[in-house]
Each structure stands twice: as C-alpha cells, then as structure tokens.
Amino acid sequence: MMKPKRDADATKSRILAAAEAEFSEKGLYGARIDAIANKAKTNKRMIYQYYGNKEQLYVNTLETVYGRLTAEELQIGWKTMPARESIQKIIRLYFEFLENNPSYVKLILWENLNEGKYIEQIDFTETKYSVFHIFEDIMEKGKQTGEFKKEIDTRQVILSLLTFTFSYFSNRYTLSKLLEFDLFDKENIQKRINIVTDMLLKYICTE
C-alpha cells in the first residue's frame, strides 16, 4: 500500500536534484524543464503535477538547499558548550558547507541577480531560527558569561560571518587569478578559516 507514496517521494527527490543542477548552472531563465525531466529520468507532466510550473520548482529548489544548511546548523551543540567554541564551530561549518555545496553558492548568486524576487516566497520560519536565532542565543550567552563584549551589535557580527565565508567561495575563481593565489587549495581554505575565526573572536571577545 505504501509503494505509490515511496515512488512519488523518490521521483520528487530526483526532480529536485536535477533542478538544483540545472538551476545552479543556468539560473531560472536559462534552465529548461525538458533538461530537468531528462536528468530526473521522468517527464514534464510529472514535474508540472508535483510543482505546478518552473518558477515554483525553482522556489522549492531554493528552499531545499537552504534547508540542507539549516539541518547542519541544528547539529551544533551550542546549548552545552562555551559561546566562544560555538562561534568557532559555526565558522568552520559554513566554510565546509560552502566548499562541499557549490550548487548552493551558485543558486544564491543567481537569486541575487533576480534581486531576491523568488526567495521572498519561501517560508523561513524554521530556517531563520537556525541562521539568526541560534547566533543570537550564542551571542547573548557569551555576553551573559562575560566571554563577549556587551556592546557588540549581534546583527553586524552575523553579517560579517556570512559575508566573510560566502564571498570566499563566490569570488574564488576571479580572486585566484587576480591574487595569483589558489583559493581552491585545502591548505589555503584552512588558513582562511583560522584567520576569519581569529578576526571575529578578537572583535567580539572580552579577552
């Protein structure tokens, strides 16, 4: 009795995986439903049945990749560790996630070209909790324990964390050429993790 649902779930998963590959390479307007159907080993009728149209499939794809990051963030045991250590873990998590999920980086770049038109359609109730409230909890904990300076603007720290990590991967093709410095090299990524961690901690910590 459960087989039709399992089959439907498997088909949806294949469609989303194919859509992620297609949208990340070509953006919403360059992507083709025929190509997505071919990659997903299904047909256009099934895609329209499950997702309605290309725009809605694109929105669902964005939601999926954001959810992937959220799932990893929620694994950080920030409630039971010192605030300083939590910040270190989050910075490393972001670098490692972005390195291992190049399609995420490309999709965010495409959506910025769309001026955030489609990301506005996503319900970020749970995702925002991960991105912002976890960090706010950590910062508040650090301020209460005396680890962090009380006057620090938490939103600015979040913005710095996100831009320091994302820009490394969104710009590394051009920066590798301009700086004659291989930003794809594992050792250089590790050095960057250490530098960003050191900068942020020196800014927010009391000592």
N, C-alpha and C. Protein backbone atom coordinates (compact mmCIF):
# COMPACT_ATOMS: atom_id res chain seq x y z
N MET A 1 0.81 -1.22 0.00
CA MET A 1 0.00 0.00 0.00
C MET A 1 0.84 1.27 0.00
N MET A 2 2.06 1.18 0.54
CA MET A 2 2.91 2.35 0.68
C MET A 2 3.77 2.62 -0.55
N LYS A 3 3.78 1.67 -1.49
CA LYS A 3 4.69 1.80 -2.63
C LYS A 3 4.44 3.06 -3.46
N PRO A 4 3.16 3.42 -3.79
CA PRO A 4 2.96 4.65 -4.58
C PRO A 4 3.55 5.88 -3.93
N LYS A 5 3.42 6.01 -2.60
CA LYS A 5 3.98 7.17 -1.91
C LYS A 5 5.50 7.15 -1.98
N ARG A 6 6.09 5.97 -1.79
CA ARG A 6 7.55 5.86 -1.88
C ARG A 6 8.02 6.22 -3.28
N ASP A 7 7.29 5.75 -4.27
CA ASP A 7 7.65 6.07 -5.66
C ASP A 7 7.55 7.57 -5.92
N ALA A 8 6.49 8.18 -5.40
CA ALA A 8 6.30 9.63 -5.58
C ALA A 8 7.41 10.40 -4.89
N ASP A 9 7.77 9.99 -3.67
CA ASP A 9 8.84 10.66 -2.94
C ASP A 9 10.17 10.53 -3.68
N ALA A 10 10.42 9.35 -4.23
CA ALA A 10 11.66 9.12 -4.97
C ALA A 10 11.70 9.98 -6.22
N THR A 11 10.57 10.10 -6.89
CA THR A 11 10.50 10.92 -8.10
C THR A 11 10.72 12.39 -7.77
N LYS A 12 10.09 12.86 -6.70
CA LYS A 12 10.26 14.25 -6.27
C LYS A 12 11.72 14.53 -5.93
N SER A 13 12.36 13.59 -5.26
CA SER A 13 13.78 13.77 -4.90
C SER A 13 14.65 13.87 -6.13
N ARG A 14 14.38 13.02 -7.13
CA ARG A 14 15.15 13.07 -8.38
C ARG A 14 14.92 14.39 -9.11
N ILE A 15 13.68 14.86 -9.10
CA ILE A 15 13.36 16.12 -9.77
C ILE A 15 14.08 17.28 -9.09
N LEU A 16 14.07 17.31 -7.77
CA LEU A 16 14.74 18.41 -7.05
C LEU A 16 16.24 18.37 -7.26
N ALA A 17 16.82 17.17 -7.27
CA ALA A 17 18.26 17.05 -7.51
C ALA A 17 18.61 17.53 -8.92
N ALA A 18 17.80 17.14 -9.89
CA ALA A 18 18.04 17.57 -11.27
C ALA A 18 17.82 19.07 -11.41
N ALA A 19 16.81 19.60 -10.74
CA ALA A 19 16.53 21.04 -10.78
C ALA A 19 17.67 21.83 -10.16
N GLU A 20 18.22 21.33 -9.06
CA GLU A 20 19.34 22.00 -8.42
C GLU A 20 20.53 22.10 -9.37
N ALA A 21 20.81 21.02 -10.05
CA ALA A 21 21.93 21.02 -11.01
C ALA A 21 21.67 21.98 -12.16
N GLU A 22 20.47 21.96 -12.70
CA GLU A 22 20.13 22.79 -13.86
C GLU A 22 20.06 24.27 -13.48
N PHE A 23 19.36 24.59 -12.40
CA PHE A 23 19.22 25.99 -12.00
C PHE A 23 20.56 26.59 -11.56
N SER A 24 21.39 25.80 -10.89
CA SER A 24 22.67 26.34 -10.42
C SER A 24 23.60 26.65 -11.58
N GLU A 25 23.48 25.91 -12.67
CA GLU A 25 24.34 26.14 -13.83
C GLU A 25 23.80 27.23 -14.77
N LYS A 26 22.48 27.34 -14.87
CA LYS A 26 21.89 28.22 -15.89
C LYS A 26 20.96 29.29 -15.34
N GLY A 27 20.66 29.23 -14.04
CA GLY A 27 19.72 30.19 -13.49
C GLY A 27 18.29 29.83 -13.87
N LEU A 28 17.34 30.56 -13.29
CA LEU A 28 15.94 30.28 -13.56
C LEU A 28 15.59 30.43 -15.04
N TYR A 29 16.04 31.51 -15.66
CA TYR A 29 15.60 31.81 -17.01
C TYR A 29 16.33 31.00 -18.08
N GLY A 30 17.51 30.53 -17.74
CA GLY A 30 18.24 29.71 -18.71
C GLY A 30 17.93 28.23 -18.61
N ALA A 31 17.41 27.81 -17.45
CA ALA A 31 17.10 26.40 -17.23
C ALA A 31 15.90 25.98 -18.08
N ARG A 32 15.88 24.70 -18.44
CA ARG A 32 14.79 24.15 -19.24
C ARG A 32 14.17 22.95 -18.54
N ILE A 33 12.84 22.92 -18.52
CA ILE A 33 12.12 21.81 -17.89
C ILE A 33 12.45 20.49 -18.58
N ASP A 34 12.63 20.53 -19.89
CA ASP A 34 13.00 19.31 -20.62
C ASP A 34 14.31 18.72 -20.10
N ALA A 35 15.27 19.59 -19.83
CA ALA A 35 16.57 19.13 -19.34
C ALA A 35 16.43 18.56 -17.93
N ILE A 36 15.61 19.21 -17.12
CA ILE A 36 15.40 18.72 -15.75
C ILE A 36 14.71 17.35 -15.78
N ALA A 37 13.70 17.22 -16.63
CA ALA A 37 12.99 15.94 -16.75
C ALA A 37 13.93 14.83 -17.21
N ASN A 38 14.80 15.15 -18.16
CA ASN A 38 15.75 14.16 -18.66
C ASN A 38 16.72 13.72 -17.57
N LYS A 39 17.24 14.68 -16.81
CA LYS A 39 18.18 14.35 -15.73
C LYS A 39 17.49 13.55 -14.62
N ALA A 40 16.21 13.85 -14.39
CA ALA A 40 15.47 13.18 -13.32
C ALA A 40 14.88 11.84 -13.75
N LYS A 41 15.06 11.51 -15.04
CA LYS A 41 14.51 10.27 -15.61
C LYS A 41 12.98 10.22 -15.40
N THR A 42 12.34 11.33 -15.71
CA THR A 42 10.88 11.40 -15.62
C THR A 42 10.40 12.22 -16.82
N ASN A 43 9.19 12.73 -16.77
CA ASN A 43 8.67 13.54 -17.87
C ASN A 43 8.14 14.86 -17.35
N LYS A 44 7.90 15.80 -18.27
CA LYS A 44 7.46 17.13 -17.87
C LYS A 44 6.11 17.09 -17.15
N ARG A 45 5.26 16.17 -17.53
CA ARG A 45 3.95 16.08 -16.90
C ARG A 45 4.06 15.86 -15.40
N MET A 46 4.99 15.00 -14.99
CA MET A 46 5.18 14.73 -13.57
C MET A 46 5.72 15.96 -12.84
N ILE A 47 6.61 16.69 -13.48
CA ILE A 47 7.16 17.90 -12.86
C ILE A 47 6.05 18.91 -12.63
N TYR A 48 5.21 19.11 -13.65
CA TYR A 48 4.12 20.06 -13.50
C TYR A 48 3.08 19.58 -12.48
N GLN A 49 2.90 18.27 -12.40
CA GLN A 49 1.95 17.72 -11.43
C GLN A 49 2.40 18.00 -10.00
N TYR A 50 3.70 17.82 -9.76
CA TYR A 50 4.22 17.99 -8.40
C TYR A 50 4.51 19.45 -8.05
N TYR A 51 4.94 20.24 -9.03
CA TYR A 51 5.44 21.58 -8.72
C TYR A 51 4.71 22.72 -9.43
N GLY A 52 3.79 22.41 -10.31
CA GLY A 52 2.97 23.44 -10.92
C GLY A 52 3.60 24.13 -12.12
N ASN A 53 4.76 24.75 -11.94
CA ASN A 53 5.44 25.45 -13.03
C ASN A 53 6.93 25.58 -12.71
N LYS A 54 7.68 26.12 -13.64
CA LYS A 54 9.13 26.21 -13.46
C LYS A 54 9.49 27.12 -12.30
N GLU A 55 8.76 28.23 -12.16
CA GLU A 55 9.06 29.17 -11.08
C GLU A 55 8.88 28.54 -9.70
N GLN A 56 7.79 27.76 -9.55
CA GLN A 56 7.56 27.12 -8.26
C GLN A 56 8.60 26.04 -7.97
N LEU A 57 9.02 25.34 -9.02
CA LEU A 57 10.09 24.35 -8.85
C LEU A 57 11.38 25.03 -8.41
N TYR A 58 11.64 26.18 -8.97
CA TYR A 58 12.83 26.95 -8.59
C TYR A 58 12.75 27.37 -7.12
N VAL A 59 11.58 27.83 -6.68
CA VAL A 59 11.40 28.22 -5.28
C VAL A 59 11.61 27.02 -4.36
N ASN A 60 11.05 25.88 -4.73
CA ASN A 60 11.23 24.66 -3.93
C ASN A 60 12.69 24.22 -3.89
N THR A 61 13.41 24.46 -4.97
CA THR A 61 14.83 24.12 -5.01
C THR A 61 15.62 25.01 -4.07
N LEU A 62 15.34 26.30 -4.08
CA LEU A 62 15.98 27.22 -3.13
C LEU A 62 15.70 26.80 -1.69
N GLU A 63 14.46 26.45 -1.43
CA GLU A 63 14.07 26.04 -0.08
C GLU A 63 14.82 24.79 0.35
N THR A 64 15.02 23.88 -0.60
CA THR A 64 15.73 22.63 -0.31
C THR A 64 17.19 22.89 0.07
N VAL A 65 17.87 23.74 -0.70
CA VAL A 65 19.29 23.97 -0.41
C VAL A 65 19.47 24.77 0.89
N TYR A 66 18.57 25.69 1.17
CA TYR A 66 18.63 26.39 2.45
C TYR A 66 18.38 25.41 3.60
N GLY A 67 17.43 24.51 3.38
CA GLY A 67 17.13 23.52 4.42
C GLY A 67 18.29 22.60 4.71
N ARG A 68 19.10 22.34 3.70
CA ARG A 68 20.28 21.49 3.88
C ARG A 68 21.27 22.15 4.85
N LEU A 69 21.46 23.45 4.68
CA LEU A 69 22.35 24.18 5.60
C LEU A 69 21.76 24.23 6.99
N THR A 70 20.44 24.46 7.07
CA THR A 70 19.76 24.51 8.37
C THR A 70 19.95 23.22 9.14
N ALA A 71 19.80 22.10 8.44
CA ALA A 71 19.93 20.79 9.09
C ALA A 71 21.30 20.62 9.72
N GLU A 72 22.34 21.12 9.05
CA GLU A 72 23.69 21.01 9.60
C GLU A 72 23.89 21.97 10.77
N GLU A 73 23.32 23.17 10.66
CA GLU A 73 23.46 24.14 11.75
C GLU A 73 22.83 23.61 13.04
N LEU A 74 21.70 22.92 12.89
CA LEU A 74 20.99 22.43 14.07
C LEU A 74 21.73 21.31 14.78
N GLN A 75 22.78 20.77 14.13
CA GLN A 75 23.57 19.71 14.76
C GLN A 75 24.62 20.26 15.72
N ILE A 76 24.84 21.57 15.67
CA ILE A 76 25.83 22.17 16.57
C ILE A 76 25.27 22.21 17.99
N GLY A 77 25.98 21.65 18.92
CA GLY A 77 25.50 21.61 20.31
C GLY A 77 25.81 22.88 21.07
N TRP A 78 25.31 24.02 20.55
CA TRP A 78 25.67 25.31 21.13
C TRP A 78 25.14 25.51 22.54
N LYS A 79 24.09 24.76 22.92
CA LYS A 79 23.49 24.97 24.24
C LYS A 79 24.36 24.41 25.36
N THR A 80 25.25 23.49 25.02
CA THR A 80 26.04 22.82 26.06
C THR A 80 27.53 23.13 25.98
N MET A 81 27.92 24.11 25.17
CA MET A 81 29.35 24.44 25.06
C MET A 81 29.55 25.94 25.24
N PRO A 82 30.75 26.36 25.59
CA PRO A 82 31.04 27.79 25.74
C PRO A 82 30.73 28.54 24.44
N ALA A 83 30.30 29.79 24.58
CA ALA A 83 29.91 30.60 23.43
C ALA A 83 31.06 30.75 22.44
N ARG A 84 32.26 30.92 22.93
CA ARG A 84 33.43 31.08 22.07
C ARG A 84 33.62 29.87 21.17
N GLU A 85 33.48 28.68 21.75
CA GLU A 85 33.64 27.44 20.99
C GLU A 85 32.53 27.30 19.95
N SER A 86 31.32 27.74 20.30
CA SER A 86 30.19 27.68 19.37
C SER A 86 30.46 28.51 18.13
N ILE A 87 31.02 29.72 18.34
CA ILE A 87 31.36 30.58 17.20
C ILE A 87 32.39 29.91 16.30
N GLN A 88 33.38 29.30 16.90
CA GLN A 88 34.41 28.60 16.13
C GLN A 88 33.80 27.50 15.28
N LYS A 89 32.86 26.75 15.87
CA LYS A 89 32.23 25.65 15.15
C LYS A 89 31.36 26.14 13.99
N ILE A 90 30.65 27.25 14.21
CA ILE A 90 29.79 27.79 13.16
C ILE A 90 30.62 28.27 11.98
N ILE A 91 31.71 28.96 12.24
CA ILE A 91 32.57 29.44 11.15
C ILE A 91 33.09 28.27 10.33
N ARG A 92 33.57 27.24 11.00
CA ARG A 92 34.08 26.06 10.29
C ARG A 92 32.96 25.39 9.51
N LEU A 93 31.78 25.28 10.12
CA LEU A 93 30.64 24.66 9.45
C LEU A 93 30.32 25.38 8.14
N TYR A 94 30.28 26.72 8.18
CA TYR A 94 29.95 27.49 6.99
C TYR A 94 30.98 27.29 5.89
N PHE A 95 32.25 27.33 6.24
CA PHE A 95 33.30 27.12 5.23
C PHE A 95 33.17 25.72 4.62
N GLU A 96 33.01 24.72 5.46
CA GLU A 96 32.95 23.35 4.96
C GLU A 96 31.69 23.12 4.14
N PHE A 97 30.57 23.70 4.57
CA PHE A 97 29.33 23.53 3.81
C PHE A 97 29.45 24.16 2.43
N LEU A 98 29.96 25.37 2.37
CA LEU A 98 30.08 26.08 1.09
C LEU A 98 31.07 25.38 0.16
N GLU A 99 32.12 24.83 0.73
CA GLU A 99 33.09 24.10 -0.09
C GLU A 99 32.47 22.85 -0.69
N ASN A 100 31.63 22.17 0.10
CA ASN A 100 31.05 20.90 -0.33
C ASN A 100 29.73 21.06 -1.09
N ASN A 101 29.20 22.28 -1.17
CA ASN A 101 27.93 22.51 -1.84
C ASN A 101 28.05 23.67 -2.83
N PRO A 102 28.82 23.50 -3.90
CA PRO A 102 29.00 24.59 -4.86
C PRO A 102 27.69 25.03 -5.52
N SER A 103 26.72 24.12 -5.63
CA SER A 103 25.44 24.50 -6.24
C SER A 103 24.71 25.51 -5.36
N TYR A 104 24.89 25.42 -4.05
CA TYR A 104 24.28 26.39 -3.14
C TYR A 104 24.83 27.79 -3.43
N VAL A 105 26.13 27.89 -3.57
CA VAL A 105 26.76 29.18 -3.85
C VAL A 105 26.23 29.76 -5.16
N LYS A 106 26.15 28.93 -6.19
CA LYS A 106 25.69 29.41 -7.49
C LYS A 106 24.23 29.83 -7.45
N LEU A 107 23.39 29.07 -6.75
CA LEU A 107 21.98 29.41 -6.66
C LEU A 107 21.76 30.74 -5.95
N ILE A 108 22.54 30.99 -4.89
CA ILE A 108 22.41 32.26 -4.18
C ILE A 108 22.87 33.42 -5.06
N LEU A 109 23.91 33.20 -5.84
CA LEU A 109 24.36 34.23 -6.77
C LEU A 109 23.29 34.53 -7.82
N TRP A 110 22.68 33.48 -8.37
CA TRP A 110 21.61 33.68 -9.35
C TRP A 110 20.44 34.43 -8.73
N GLU A 111 20.09 34.06 -7.51
CA GLU A 111 18.93 34.71 -6.88
C GLU A 111 19.21 36.16 -6.54
N ASN A 112 20.45 36.50 -6.29
CA ASN A 112 20.80 37.91 -6.10
C ASN A 112 20.64 38.68 -7.41
N LEU A 113 20.95 38.03 -8.53
CA LEU A 113 20.70 38.66 -9.83
C LEU A 113 19.20 38.86 -10.06
N ASN A 114 18.39 37.98 -9.46
CA ASN A 114 16.93 38.13 -9.54
C ASN A 114 16.41 39.14 -8.52
N GLU A 115 17.34 39.78 -7.79
CA GLU A 115 17.00 40.76 -6.75
C GLU A 115 16.14 40.16 -5.64
N GLY A 116 16.35 38.87 -5.38
CA GLY A 116 15.64 38.20 -4.28
C GLY A 116 14.16 38.02 -4.52
N LYS A 117 13.73 38.09 -5.77
CA LYS A 117 12.30 38.03 -6.09
C LYS A 117 11.66 36.73 -5.63
N TYR A 118 12.36 35.62 -5.80
CA TYR A 118 11.75 34.32 -5.53
C TYR A 118 12.00 33.83 -4.11
N ILE A 119 13.08 34.28 -3.53
CA ILE A 119 13.36 33.86 -2.16
C ILE A 119 12.34 34.44 -1.19
N GLU A 120 11.68 35.52 -1.61
CA GLU A 120 10.63 36.12 -0.78
C GLU A 120 9.43 35.19 -0.61
N GLN A 121 9.31 34.22 -1.50
CA GLN A 121 8.16 33.30 -1.45
C GLN A 121 8.38 32.13 -0.50
N ILE A 122 9.58 32.02 0.06
CA ILE A 122 9.90 30.90 0.95
C ILE A 122 9.51 31.23 2.38
N ASP A 123 8.91 30.28 3.05
CA ASP A 123 8.59 30.43 4.47
C ASP A 123 9.84 30.09 5.27
N PHE A 124 10.47 31.14 5.83
CA PHE A 124 11.73 30.95 6.54
C PHE A 124 11.53 30.79 8.05
N THR A 125 10.35 30.41 8.46
CA THR A 125 10.06 30.32 9.89
C THR A 125 11.11 29.49 10.63
N GLU A 126 11.43 28.31 10.10
CA GLU A 126 12.40 27.44 10.76
C GLU A 126 13.82 27.77 10.36
N THR A 127 14.02 28.10 9.08
CA THR A 127 15.36 28.39 8.62
C THR A 127 15.93 29.64 9.30
N LYS A 128 15.11 30.66 9.46
CA LYS A 128 15.57 31.87 10.11
C LYS A 128 15.96 31.59 11.55
N TYR A 129 15.24 30.62 12.16
CA TYR A 129 15.62 30.27 13.53
C TYR A 129 17.06 29.80 13.54
N SER A 130 17.39 28.96 12.58
CA SER A 130 18.74 28.43 12.54
C SER A 130 19.77 29.53 12.30
N VAL A 131 19.54 30.34 11.27
CA VAL A 131 20.54 31.31 10.88
C VAL A 131 20.70 32.44 11.89
N PHE A 132 19.59 32.96 12.37
CA PHE A 132 19.66 34.15 13.21
C PHE A 132 19.49 33.87 14.70
N HIS A 133 18.49 33.09 15.07
CA HIS A 133 18.22 32.93 16.49
C HIS A 133 19.28 32.10 17.21
N ILE A 134 19.83 31.10 16.53
CA ILE A 134 20.91 30.34 17.16
C ILE A 134 22.08 31.27 17.44
N PHE A 135 22.42 32.09 16.46
CA PHE A 135 23.55 33.02 16.63
C PHE A 135 23.23 34.03 17.72
N GLU A 136 22.00 34.52 17.75
CA GLU A 136 21.59 35.46 18.79
C GLU A 136 21.68 34.81 20.16
N ASP A 137 21.27 33.55 20.25
CA ASP A 137 21.36 32.82 21.52
C ASP A 137 22.81 32.71 21.97
N ILE A 138 23.69 32.38 21.02
CA ILE A 138 25.11 32.24 21.36
C ILE A 138 25.69 33.57 21.82
N MET A 139 25.38 34.64 21.08
CA MET A 139 25.90 35.96 21.44
C MET A 139 25.38 36.40 22.80
N GLU A 140 24.10 36.16 23.06
CA GLU A 140 23.53 36.55 24.35
C GLU A 140 24.17 35.75 25.48
N LYS A 141 24.38 34.46 25.23
CA LYS A 141 25.04 33.62 26.23
C LYS A 141 26.45 34.12 26.51
N GLY A 142 27.18 34.48 25.43
CA GLY A 142 28.54 34.97 25.60
C GLY A 142 28.59 36.29 26.36
N LYS A 143 27.60 37.15 26.13
CA LYS A 143 27.55 38.43 26.85
C LYS A 143 27.25 38.20 28.33
N GLN A 144 26.36 37.26 28.61
CA GLN A 144 25.99 36.98 29.99
C GLN A 144 27.15 36.34 30.78
N THR A 145 27.91 35.49 30.11
CA THR A 145 29.03 34.83 30.79
C THR A 145 30.28 35.70 30.85
N GLY A 146 30.25 36.82 30.12
CA GLY A 146 31.41 37.70 30.11
C GLY A 146 32.43 37.35 29.05
N GLU A 147 32.12 36.35 28.20
CA GLU A 147 33.04 35.98 27.12
C GLU A 147 33.05 37.04 26.02
N PHE A 148 31.87 37.64 25.76
CA PHE A 148 31.73 38.62 24.68
C PHE A 148 31.44 40.01 25.24
N LYS A 149 31.88 41.02 24.50
CA LYS A 149 31.61 42.40 24.88
C LYS A 149 30.11 42.69 24.79
N LYS A 150 29.58 43.32 25.79
CA LYS A 150 28.14 43.56 25.86
C LYS A 150 27.66 44.54 24.79
N GLU A 151 28.52 45.45 24.34
CA GLU A 151 28.09 46.47 23.40
C GLU A 151 28.11 46.01 21.94
N ILE A 152 28.57 44.79 21.68
CA ILE A 152 28.67 44.29 20.31
C ILE A 152 27.29 44.17 19.66
N ASP A 153 27.19 44.65 18.42
CA ASP A 153 25.95 44.56 17.64
C ASP A 153 25.88 43.16 17.01
N THR A 154 24.96 42.33 17.50
CA THR A 154 24.87 40.94 17.05
C THR A 154 24.57 40.83 15.56
N ARG A 155 23.69 41.66 15.04
CA ARG A 155 23.35 41.59 13.62
C ARG A 155 24.57 41.88 12.74
N GLN A 156 25.40 42.82 13.18
CA GLN A 156 26.59 43.13 12.41
C GLN A 156 27.58 41.96 12.43
N VAL A 157 27.64 41.27 13.56
CA VAL A 157 28.52 40.10 13.65
C VAL A 157 28.02 38.99 12.72
N ILE A 158 26.69 38.78 12.71
CA ILE A 158 26.11 37.78 11.80
C ILE A 158 26.42 38.13 10.35
N LEU A 159 26.24 39.40 10.01
CA LEU A 159 26.52 39.85 8.64
C LEU A 159 27.99 39.61 8.28
N SER A 160 28.88 39.91 9.21
CA SER A 160 30.31 39.69 8.95
C SER A 160 30.61 38.21 8.74
N LEU A 161 30.03 37.37 9.57
CA LEU A 161 30.25 35.93 9.44
C LEU A 161 29.78 35.43 8.08
N LEU A 162 28.59 35.84 7.68
CA LEU A 162 28.03 35.36 6.41
C LEU A 162 28.83 35.87 5.21
N THR A 163 29.22 37.13 5.24
CA THR A 163 29.95 37.69 4.10
C THR A 163 31.39 37.18 4.04
N PHE A 164 32.04 37.04 5.17
CA PHE A 164 33.40 36.52 5.18
C PHE A 164 33.47 35.11 4.59
N THR A 165 32.49 34.30 4.91
CA THR A 165 32.50 32.91 4.45
C THR A 165 32.03 32.80 3.00
N PHE A 166 30.88 33.40 2.69
CA PHE A 166 30.30 33.24 1.35
C PHE A 166 31.17 33.85 0.26
N SER A 167 31.71 35.03 0.51
CA SER A 167 32.48 35.73 -0.52
C SER A 167 33.74 34.95 -0.91
N TYR A 168 34.28 34.17 0.01
CA TYR A 168 35.46 33.36 -0.32
C TYR A 168 35.15 32.43 -1.48
N PHE A 169 33.95 31.80 -1.45
CA PHE A 169 33.59 30.81 -2.46
C PHE A 169 32.91 31.43 -3.67
N SER A 170 32.18 32.52 -3.49
CA SER A 170 31.52 33.16 -4.63
C SER A 170 32.51 33.87 -5.54
N ASN A 171 33.65 34.29 -4.98
CA ASN A 171 34.63 35.07 -5.75
C ASN A 171 35.95 34.35 -5.99
N ARG A 172 36.03 33.10 -5.65
CA ARG A 172 37.36 32.48 -5.65
C ARG A 172 37.94 32.23 -7.04
N TYR A 173 37.09 32.14 -8.06
CA TYR A 173 37.63 31.98 -9.42
C TYR A 173 38.40 33.23 -9.83
N THR A 174 37.75 34.39 -9.66
CA THR A 174 38.39 35.64 -10.07
C THR A 174 39.54 36.01 -9.14
N LEU A 175 39.34 35.82 -7.82
CA LEU A 175 40.39 36.20 -6.88
C LEU A 175 41.62 35.32 -7.02
N SER A 176 41.42 34.06 -7.35
CA SER A 176 42.57 33.17 -7.56
C SER A 176 43.45 33.69 -8.70
N LYS A 177 42.81 34.24 -9.74
CA LYS A 177 43.56 34.79 -10.87
C LYS A 177 44.20 36.12 -10.51
N LEU A 178 43.40 37.00 -9.91
CA LEU A 178 43.89 38.35 -9.61
C LEU A 178 45.01 38.34 -8.57
N LEU A 179 44.88 37.48 -7.58
CA LEU A 179 45.85 37.45 -6.49
C LEU A 179 46.98 36.45 -6.73
N GLU A 180 46.83 35.66 -7.81
CA GLU A 180 47.78 34.58 -8.09
C GLU A 180 47.95 33.70 -6.85
N PHE A 181 46.79 33.30 -6.35
CA PHE A 181 46.71 32.61 -5.07
C PHE A 181 45.57 31.61 -5.17
N ASP A 182 45.86 30.33 -4.99
CA ASP A 182 44.88 29.27 -5.22
C ASP A 182 43.89 29.16 -4.07
N LEU A 183 42.70 29.75 -4.24
CA LEU A 183 41.68 29.71 -3.19
C LEU A 183 40.96 28.36 -3.13
N PHE A 184 41.27 27.46 -4.07
CA PHE A 184 40.69 26.12 -4.05
C PHE A 184 41.54 25.16 -3.20
N ASP A 185 42.75 25.56 -2.92
CA ASP A 185 43.67 24.71 -2.18
C ASP A 185 43.18 24.46 -0.75
N LYS A 186 43.18 23.21 -0.32
CA LYS A 186 42.66 22.84 1.01
C LYS A 186 43.42 23.56 2.12
N GLU A 187 44.71 23.67 1.96
CA GLU A 187 45.51 24.34 3.00
C GLU A 187 45.16 25.82 3.09
N ASN A 188 44.91 26.44 1.95
CA ASN A 188 44.55 27.85 1.96
C ASN A 188 43.16 28.07 2.54
N ILE A 189 42.25 27.13 2.30
CA ILE A 189 40.92 27.23 2.91
C ILE A 189 41.05 27.14 4.43
N GLN A 190 41.88 26.22 4.89
CA GLN A 190 42.09 26.08 6.34
C GLN A 190 42.69 27.35 6.94
N LYS A 191 43.63 27.95 6.23
CA LYS A 191 44.21 29.20 6.70
C LYS A 191 43.16 30.29 6.80
N ARG A 192 42.26 30.32 5.81
CA ARG A 192 41.21 31.34 5.82
C ARG A 192 40.23 31.12 6.97
N ILE A 193 39.91 29.86 7.25
CA ILE A 193 39.06 29.55 8.41
C ILE A 193 39.70 30.10 9.68
N ASN A 194 40.99 29.86 9.83
CA ASN A 194 41.69 30.31 11.03
C ASN A 194 41.71 31.84 11.14
N ILE A 195 41.94 32.51 10.01
CA ILE A 195 42.03 33.97 10.01
C ILE A 195 40.67 34.60 10.32
N VAL A 196 39.61 34.11 9.68
CA VAL A 196 38.26 34.64 9.92
C VAL A 196 37.85 34.40 11.36
N THR A 197 38.14 33.21 11.86
CA THR A 197 37.82 32.89 13.25
C THR A 197 38.56 33.83 14.20
N ASP A 198 39.83 34.03 13.95
CA ASP A 198 40.65 34.90 14.80
C ASP A 198 40.13 36.34 14.76
N MET A 199 39.78 36.84 13.57
CA MET A 199 39.29 38.21 13.44
C MET A 199 38.00 38.42 14.21
N LEU A 200 37.05 37.51 14.02
CA LEU A 200 35.76 37.66 14.68
C LEU A 200 35.87 37.54 16.19
N LEU A 201 36.64 36.57 16.64
CA LEU A 201 36.78 36.38 18.08
C LEU A 201 37.49 37.57 18.74
N LYS A 202 38.49 38.12 18.08
CA LYS A 202 39.18 39.29 18.64
C LYS A 202 38.24 40.48 18.73
N TYR A 203 37.30 40.55 17.80
CA TYR A 203 36.35 41.67 17.78
C TYR A 203 35.29 41.54 18.87
N ILE A 204 34.79 40.30 19.08
CA ILE A 204 33.66 40.14 19.99
C ILE A 204 34.04 39.72 21.40
N CYS A 205 35.24 39.14 21.57
CA CYS A 205 35.60 38.62 22.89
C CYS A 205 36.18 39.70 23.80
N THR A 206 35.96 39.51 25.09
CA THR A 206 36.47 40.46 26.07
C THR A 206 37.97 40.30 26.29
N GLU A 207 38.47 39.12 26.00
CA GLU A 207 39.93 38.89 26.14
C GLU A 207 40.39 37.79 25.22
